[in-house]
Structures are given as structure tokens and as C-alpha cells.
Amino acid sequence: MNEKILIVDDDTNICELLRLYLSKEGFVPLIVNDGESAVQSVENNKPALVLLDIMLPKLDGWQVCRRIRQSSDTPIIMISAKGETFDKILGLELGADDYIVKPFEAKEVVARVKAVLRRSAAPISDQPKEVTYENLSVNITNYELKVRGEHVYAPPKELELLFHLASNPNRVFTRDQLLDEVWGFDYYGDSRTVDVHIKRLREKLDGVSDKWDLKTVWSVGYKFETK
């Protein structure tokens, strides 16, 4: 396997526990104990995934996540004692791929690492590679979103969610269906993940066209509606 996993936590006991479990599964753990070192390690070592604590010296996990997302789509799993819904949603809004609350079972962390890596590596081969509508182009081959002909940054899962909905115009999807079909059947999160990504997409697409829209179907889910 030999994929590098960056562990970012100032608790040396947690770092050692995760190092042992990840090593047993064939990963190569890298450990840093503060936020500044985390950003530097991502740049220098190009890990396959980052396990990121929130309460860190120098830069906190929120700041680290923002910095990584400015230049990289490296998968991020946030690990924190902060278990409130607000904290989970904030982590996802900043671009994290998953969120684990302390205390945790090390085996679950390893399972989530594998799940996120599978999702990030899985190709989409049975659908068109690009969908276009008025003032909108979503290309899943090179992961590009164009709005009114201009490139707009979207994290991979946002783009995949929009691509999936736009590839099936006027079809209503439940949140669980979207988790299953976009995130993968082994996703460990909850349906609020979908809501967060839809919210961020709407911010990017607000007022772009009157020929299509991301619609909420109350008590059901979402659809890409064409008019």
C-alpha cells in the first residue's frame, strides 16, 4: 500500500495509537504536533490523507484545513473532542471529507481512512464526463466547474454532487441516495453532509440562470430542475 497518512495532533498518545494501527494496515504514518508543521508537511510530503485535530498549537485545525484547501484536494478527516453539530458542519464547509469525534476506536478511524481513500480514487466511468447547461459546465474528467465561462473552485465532492444531480435532471434524490451514490455506501457521516454541500453549491450558482436550479423537495431531498 505505502500510502502516506499525515497525523496532526498535539497528543502524543493519540499519535502513537494511530501510528500503530495505520502501520499494521500497510500505511506510512507521518506525525506532526502543530498546525504550521501540518501545512508544511502537506506541501513537502504530499500525503494521501490528513487526520487533523482541531485544537492545535500555532494554527488550529480550522486554519490548517483552510490553508490546505487553498492549494490541494488532499482528503482531510477532522478528529476532535468538539462533537457539536455546528463544529461538524463547519469542518465540512471548510472542505473536510469526514469528521470523527473523540474518544474514538482506532479501528473505526482506519476504516474511515480506507473509505475516504476509496471514494477519492474511484473513477466515474458509466456516465458522461461533462454536463452543460446555460452558463454552467461541470467536467468530471478534469474536475472543472465553469460558471458563465469562468472557472469556479469547487472541492471534489461538491463537484461530484452537482455532476450527479445535473446528469439526472428533474429526478428527485433523497439525502440517503446521494450519500450512497456520491459518497459511497460505506460513508460514515450523516445526511447533514448533503445539506452542507448543497448550501455551498447554491452560493456559487445563485442567479446564474433562470433555465435551471438546485431545488429542495421538502421532506424528500434535492433535484436539479430544468425549465
Protein backbone atom coordinates (compact mmCIF):
# COMPACT_ATOMS: atom_id res chain seq x y z
CA MET A 1 0.00 0.00 0.00
CA ASN A 2 2.66 2.52 1.15
CA GLU A 3 0.27 5.50 1.14
CA LYS A 4 1.34 8.29 3.46
CA ILE A 5 -1.14 9.34 6.14
CA LEU A 6 -0.36 12.58 7.96
CA ILE A 7 -1.44 12.53 11.63
CA VAL A 8 -1.79 16.01 13.11
CA ASP A 9 -2.37 16.05 16.87
CA ASP A 10 -0.56 17.51 19.88
CA ASP A 11 -1.48 14.46 21.99
CA THR A 12 1.46 12.10 21.57
CA ASN A 13 -0.51 9.12 22.91
CA ILE A 14 -3.17 9.53 20.21
CA CYS A 15 -0.48 9.92 17.57
CA GLU A 16 1.23 6.72 18.66
CA LEU A 17 -2.05 4.79 18.77
CA LEU A 18 -2.98 5.86 15.25
CA ARG A 19 0.56 5.22 14.03
CA LEU A 20 0.42 1.61 15.25
CA TYR A 21 -2.97 0.84 13.70
CA LEU A 22 -2.21 2.54 10.39
CA SER A 23 1.17 0.83 10.12
CA LYS A 24 -0.48 -2.58 10.62
CA GLU A 25 -2.69 -1.83 7.60
CA GLY A 26 0.29 -1.02 5.39
CA PHE A 27 0.10 2.78 5.54
CA VAL A 28 3.10 5.02 6.16
CA PRO A 29 2.18 7.34 9.07
CA LEU A 30 3.74 10.79 9.32
CA ILE A 31 3.29 12.70 12.59
CA VAL A 32 3.36 16.42 13.36
CA ASN A 33 2.14 18.15 16.52
CA ASP A 34 1.21 21.68 15.46
CA GLY A 35 -0.69 23.44 12.70
CA GLU A 36 2.22 25.17 10.97
CA SER A 37 4.10 21.89 10.67
CA ALA A 38 0.96 20.27 9.25
CA VAL A 39 0.71 22.78 6.39
CA GLN A 40 4.41 22.41 5.65
CA SER A 41 4.24 18.60 5.75
CA VAL A 42 1.34 18.53 3.26
CA GLU A 43 3.39 20.67 0.88
CA ASN A 44 6.61 18.67 1.31
CA ASN A 45 5.36 15.10 1.69
CA LYS A 46 2.14 15.03 -0.41
CA PRO A 47 0.28 12.60 1.91
CA ALA A 48 -2.66 10.59 0.58
CA LEU A 49 -4.82 11.79 3.50
CA VAL A 50 -4.63 14.02 6.59
CA LEU A 51 -6.02 13.14 10.03
CA LEU A 52 -6.43 16.59 11.53
CA ASP A 53 -7.12 17.56 15.14
CA ILE A 54 -8.76 20.94 15.74
CA MET A 55 -7.17 22.17 18.98
CA LEU A 56 -3.55 22.62 17.88
CA PRO A 57 -0.67 24.96 18.73
CA LYS A 58 0.31 27.77 16.29
CA LEU A 59 -2.55 27.19 13.81
CA ASP A 60 -5.79 25.46 14.79
CA GLY A 61 -7.37 22.74 12.69
CA TRP A 62 -9.82 25.15 11.04
CA GLN A 63 -6.95 27.32 9.84
CA VAL A 64 -4.97 24.30 8.67
CA CYS A 65 -7.93 22.99 6.70
CA ARG A 66 -8.39 26.37 5.01
CA ARG A 67 -4.70 26.58 4.12
CA ILE A 68 -4.62 23.06 2.67
CA ARG A 69 -7.76 23.69 0.61
CA GLN A 70 -6.22 26.79 -0.96
CA SER A 71 -3.83 24.62 -2.94
CA SER A 72 -4.72 20.94 -2.52
CA ASP A 73 -7.61 18.47 -2.71
CA THR A 74 -5.86 16.06 -0.31
CA PRO A 75 -8.59 14.24 1.65
CA ILE A 76 -8.96 15.51 5.23
CA ILE A 77 -10.60 13.74 8.17
CA MET A 78 -11.02 16.04 11.15
CA ILE A 79 -10.68 14.45 14.60
CA SER A 80 -11.84 16.47 17.57
CA ALA A 81 -13.41 16.42 21.01
CA LYS A 82 -15.76 19.10 19.62
CA GLY A 83 -18.83 17.00 18.85
CA GLU A 84 -21.47 19.68 18.35
CA THR A 85 -23.35 19.76 15.06
CA PHE A 86 -22.03 23.29 14.41
CA ASP A 87 -18.42 22.08 14.59
CA LYS A 88 -19.09 19.16 12.26
CA ILE A 89 -20.83 21.37 9.71
CA LEU A 90 -18.05 23.97 9.91
CA GLY A 91 -15.46 21.27 9.24
CA LEU A 92 -17.38 20.06 6.18
CA GLU A 93 -17.91 23.61 4.94
CA LEU A 94 -14.17 24.23 5.12
CA GLY A 95 -13.60 21.22 2.88
CA ALA A 96 -13.10 18.28 5.25
CA ASP A 97 -14.18 14.90 3.88
CA ASP A 98 -15.22 13.39 7.21
CA TYR A 99 -15.39 14.23 10.92
CA ILE A 100 -14.64 11.91 13.85
CA VAL A 101 -15.43 12.77 17.48
CA LYS A 102 -13.07 11.86 20.33
CA PRO A 103 -12.93 9.47 22.05
CA PHE A 104 -12.80 7.09 19.11
CA GLU A 105 -11.97 3.49 18.30
CA ALA A 106 -8.73 3.30 16.33
CA LYS A 107 -10.21 0.56 14.12
CA GLU A 108 -13.03 2.91 13.12
CA VAL A 109 -10.52 5.62 12.18
CA VAL A 110 -8.66 3.15 9.95
CA ALA A 111 -11.95 2.07 8.35
CA ARG A 112 -12.86 5.67 7.62
CA VAL A 113 -9.40 6.35 6.19
CA LYS A 114 -9.86 3.45 3.79
CA ALA A 115 -13.38 4.57 2.88
CA VAL A 116 -12.34 8.15 2.13
CA LEU A 117 -9.37 6.97 0.06
CA ARG A 118 -11.64 4.65 -1.93
CA ARG A 119 -14.08 7.47 -2.61
CA SER A 120 -11.39 9.92 -3.64
CA ALA A 121 -9.81 7.38 -6.01
CA ALA A 122 -12.97 5.89 -7.52
CA PRO A 123 -13.44 6.83 -11.19
CA ILE A 124 -16.83 7.66 -12.62
CA SER A 125 -16.88 5.58 -15.79
CA ASP A 126 -20.52 4.83 -16.58
CA GLN A 127 -21.69 8.42 -17.03
CA PRO A 128 -20.89 11.27 -19.43
CA LYS A 129 -17.74 13.12 -18.43
CA GLU A 130 -19.28 16.57 -18.80
CA VAL A 131 -22.72 18.12 -18.46
CA THR A 132 -23.56 21.58 -19.73
CA TYR A 133 -26.47 23.95 -19.27
CA GLU A 134 -26.89 27.66 -19.79
CA ASN A 135 -23.96 29.40 -18.08
CA LEU A 136 -22.86 26.12 -16.47
CA SER A 137 -20.34 23.40 -17.32
CA VAL A 138 -19.41 20.55 -14.97
CA ASN A 139 -16.49 18.40 -16.15
CA ILE A 140 -15.75 15.30 -14.10
CA THR A 141 -12.66 14.31 -16.12
CA ASN A 142 -10.53 17.28 -15.11
CA TYR A 143 -12.74 18.33 -12.17
CA GLU A 144 -13.60 21.75 -13.53
CA LEU A 145 -16.64 23.86 -12.79
CA LYS A 146 -17.32 26.78 -15.12
CA VAL A 147 -19.95 29.39 -14.34
CA ARG A 148 -20.65 31.93 -17.08
CA GLY A 149 -17.50 30.68 -18.80
CA GLU A 150 -15.28 31.37 -15.77
CA HIS A 151 -13.55 28.71 -13.70
CA VAL A 152 -15.01 28.43 -10.19
CA TYR A 153 -13.26 26.41 -7.49
CA ALA A 154 -15.29 23.54 -6.06
CA PRO A 155 -13.95 20.75 -3.83
CA PRO A 156 -14.23 17.29 -5.41
CA LYS A 157 -17.32 16.18 -3.50
CA GLU A 158 -19.18 19.40 -4.29
CA LEU A 159 -18.40 18.98 -7.97
CA GLU A 160 -19.34 15.28 -7.96
CA LEU A 161 -22.64 16.06 -6.23
CA LEU A 162 -23.52 18.75 -8.79
CA PHE A 163 -22.46 16.48 -11.65
CA HIS A 164 -24.63 13.66 -10.34
CA LEU A 165 -27.70 15.86 -9.96
CA ALA A 166 -27.19 17.66 -13.27
CA SER A 167 -26.71 14.33 -15.07
CA ASN A 168 -30.19 13.33 -13.90
CA PRO A 169 -32.27 16.49 -14.46
CA ASN A 170 -35.63 16.70 -12.68
CA ARG A 171 -35.03 13.46 -10.80
CA VAL A 172 -35.51 13.75 -7.04
CA PHE A 173 -32.85 12.16 -4.85
CA THR A 174 -33.16 11.57 -1.13
CA ARG A 175 -30.23 12.52 1.05
CA ASP A 176 -29.51 8.85 1.71
CA GLN A 177 -29.48 8.13 -2.04
CA LEU A 178 -26.99 10.92 -2.59
CA LEU A 179 -24.79 9.69 0.25
CA ASP A 180 -24.91 6.23 -1.28
CA GLU A 181 -24.35 7.24 -4.90
CA VAL A 182 -21.92 10.16 -4.50
CA TRP A 183 -20.10 9.47 -1.24
CA GLY A 184 -20.28 5.68 -1.36
CA PHE A 185 -22.20 3.03 0.55
CA ASP A 186 -19.56 2.88 3.27
CA TYR A 187 -19.76 6.56 4.19
CA TYR A 188 -19.82 7.03 7.98
CA GLY A 189 -21.31 10.52 8.08
CA ASP A 190 -24.93 11.64 8.18
CA SER A 191 -27.39 13.36 5.87
CA ARG A 192 -26.37 16.85 7.01
CA THR A 193 -23.28 16.37 4.86
CA VAL A 194 -25.50 16.64 1.76
CA ASP A 195 -27.20 19.78 3.08
CA VAL A 196 -23.84 21.48 3.66
CA HIS A 197 -22.63 20.71 0.13
CA ILE A 198 -25.90 21.86 -1.44
CA LYS A 199 -25.67 25.13 0.52
CA ARG A 200 -22.16 25.78 -0.77
CA LEU A 201 -23.15 24.96 -4.35
CA ARG A 202 -26.08 27.37 -4.17
CA GLU A 203 -23.74 30.13 -3.06
CA LYS A 204 -21.68 29.55 -6.21
CA LEU A 205 -24.68 29.22 -8.55
CA ASP A 206 -27.06 31.86 -7.20
CA GLY A 207 -28.72 33.80 -10.05
CA VAL A 208 -26.62 32.17 -12.79
CA SER A 209 -29.60 31.09 -14.93
CA ASP A 210 -33.39 31.06 -14.94
CA LYS A 211 -33.38 27.86 -17.02
CA TRP A 212 -32.26 25.55 -14.22
CA ASP A 213 -31.94 25.50 -10.43
CA LEU A 214 -30.95 23.34 -7.48
CA LYS A 215 -34.28 22.67 -5.81
CA THR A 216 -35.16 21.37 -2.37
CA VAL A 217 -38.04 18.90 -2.39
CA TRP A 218 -39.32 19.27 1.15
CA SER A 219 -39.27 16.12 3.30
CA VAL A 220 -37.63 14.22 0.42
CA GLY A 221 -34.33 15.64 -0.82
CA TYR A 222 -32.98 17.55 -3.82
CA LYS A 223 -33.14 17.75 -7.59
CA PHE A 224 -31.55 19.66 -10.47
CA GLU A 225 -34.63 21.24 -12.02
CA THR A 226 -34.68 22.34 -15.65
CA LYS A 227 -37.37 24.64 -17.00
